[in-house]
C-alpha atoms as a PDB file:
ATOM      1  CA  MET A   1      14.149  -3.146  77.500  1.00  0.00           C
ATOM      2  CA  ILE A   2      12.546  -5.849  75.359  1.00  0.00           C
ATOM      3  CA  ARG A   3      13.657  -5.594  71.754  1.00  0.00           C
ATOM      4  CA  ASN A   4      11.313  -6.543  68.937  1.00  0.00           C
ATOM      5  CA  TYR A   5      12.724  -7.676  65.617  1.00  0.00           C
ATOM      6  CA  ALA A   6      11.176  -7.852  62.178  1.00  0.00           C
ATOM      7  CA  TRP A   7      11.048 -11.544  61.272  1.00  0.00           C
ATOM      8  CA  TYR A   8      11.152 -12.745  57.679  1.00  0.00           C
ATOM      9  CA  THR A   9      11.152 -16.106  55.940  1.00  0.00           C
ATOM     10  CA  PRO A  10      14.338 -17.080  54.051  1.00  0.00           C
ATOM     11  CA  SER A  11      12.586 -15.909  50.851  1.00  0.00           C
ATOM     12  CA  GLY A  12      12.111 -12.427  52.348  1.00  0.00           C
ATOM     13  CA  GLN A  13       8.411 -12.555  53.250  1.00  0.00           C
ATOM     14  CA  PHE A  14       7.492 -10.623  56.377  1.00  0.00           C
ATOM     15  CA  VAL A  15       6.324 -12.875  59.211  1.00  0.00           C
ATOM     16  CA  ALA A  16       5.883 -10.752  62.335  1.00  0.00           C
ATOM     17  CA  TRP A  17       7.269  -8.277  64.797  1.00  0.00           C
ATOM     18  CA  SER A  18       8.436 -10.327  67.739  1.00  0.00           C
ATOM     19  CA  THR A  19      11.148 -10.865  70.317  1.00  0.00           C
ATOM     20  CA  LEU A  20      13.785 -13.565  69.877  1.00  0.00           C
ATOM     21  CA  ILE A  21      12.424 -15.658  72.762  1.00  0.00           C
ATOM     22  CA  ASN A  22       8.838 -15.503  71.523  1.00  0.00           C
ATOM     23  CA  THR A  23       9.921 -16.516  68.023  1.00  0.00           C
ATOM     24  CA  GLU A  24      11.869 -19.487  69.343  1.00  0.00           C
ATOM     25  CA  VAL A  25       8.866 -20.635  71.397  1.00  0.00           C
ATOM     26  CA  VAL A  26       6.369 -20.203  68.553  1.00  0.00           C
ATOM     27  CA  THR A  27       8.522 -21.921  65.904  1.00  0.00           C
ATOM     28  CA  GLY A  28      10.104 -24.517  68.158  1.00  0.00           C
ATOM     29  CA  GLY A  29      13.399 -23.513  66.568  1.00  0.00           C
ATOM     30  CA  ASP A  30      16.737 -22.374  67.939  1.00  0.00           C
ATOM     31  CA  LEU A  31      19.936 -20.555  66.958  1.00  0.00           C
ATOM     32  CA  ASN A  32      21.963 -23.705  66.211  1.00  0.00           C
ATOM     33  CA  PRO A  33      22.690 -24.018  62.458  1.00  0.00           C
ATOM     34  CA  THR A  34      24.174 -27.542  62.721  1.00  0.00           C
ATOM     35  CA  ASN A  35      21.942 -29.906  60.709  1.00  0.00           C
ATOM     36  CA  GLY A  36      19.227 -27.273  60.871  1.00  0.00           C
ATOM     37  CA  THR A  37      16.897 -25.766  58.288  1.00  0.00           C
ATOM     38  CA  LEU A  38      16.716 -21.972  58.232  1.00  0.00           C
ATOM     39  CA  ILE A  39      13.123 -20.985  58.956  1.00  0.00           C
ATOM     40  CA  SER A  40      13.317 -17.279  59.777  1.00  0.00           C
ATOM     41  CA  GLU A  41      15.640 -14.317  60.069  1.00  0.00           C
ATOM     42  CA  GLY A  42      15.319 -11.450  62.518  1.00  0.00           C
ATOM     43  CA  TYR A  43      16.263  -7.979  61.293  1.00  0.00           C
ATOM     44  CA  THR A  44      16.861  -4.808  63.249  1.00  0.00           C
ATOM     45  CA  ASP A  45      14.538  -2.851  60.946  1.00  0.00           C
ATOM     46  CA  GLY A  46      11.749  -3.286  58.423  1.00  0.00           C
ATOM     47  CA  GLY A  47       8.104  -4.005  58.953  1.00  0.00           C
ATOM     48  CA  PRO A  48       4.845  -5.211  57.474  1.00  0.00           C
ATOM     49  CA  GLY A  49       4.878  -4.854  53.688  1.00  0.00           C
ATOM     50  CA  GLU A  50       8.489  -3.723  53.643  1.00  0.00           C
ATOM     51  CA  SER A  51      11.591  -5.509  52.471  1.00  0.00           C
ATOM     52  CA  PRO A  52      14.090  -6.601  55.116  1.00  0.00           C
ATOM     53  CA  VAL A  53      16.434  -3.745  55.894  1.00  0.00           C
ATOM     54  CA  GLY A  54      19.111  -3.252  58.483  1.00  0.00           C
ATOM     55  CA  ALA A  55      21.259  -6.067  59.808  1.00  0.00           C
ATOM     56  CA  VAL A  56      20.314  -9.705  60.282  1.00  0.00           C
ATOM     57  CA  VAL A  57      20.550 -10.169  64.036  1.00  0.00           C
ATOM     58  CA  TYR A  58      19.315 -13.735  64.471  1.00  0.00           C
ATOM     59  CA  LYS A  59      18.629 -16.767  62.304  1.00  0.00           C
ATOM     60  CA  ILE A  60      16.209 -19.384  63.606  1.00  0.00           C
ATOM     61  CA  TYR A  61      16.636 -23.008  62.566  1.00  0.00           C
ATOM     62  CA  SER A  62      14.371 -26.035  62.861  1.00  0.00           C
ATOM     63  CA  HIS A  63      15.739 -29.486  63.513  1.00  0.00           C
ATOM     64  CA  PRO A  64      14.066 -32.664  62.300  1.00  0.00           C
END
């Protein structure tokens, strides 16, 4: 089963429904917080036009 997550910016703006792998590929980010900048958070629930709800499952970071 492929699980889609609701992705939001750190300020809480909805970005997309997507899988973890697809989000990493599209953003060029990863799960490593060391010296990283938080660029998106994946929640178990929520959706377009809705606030993030549920649990944060993944945080994607960019690295300069």
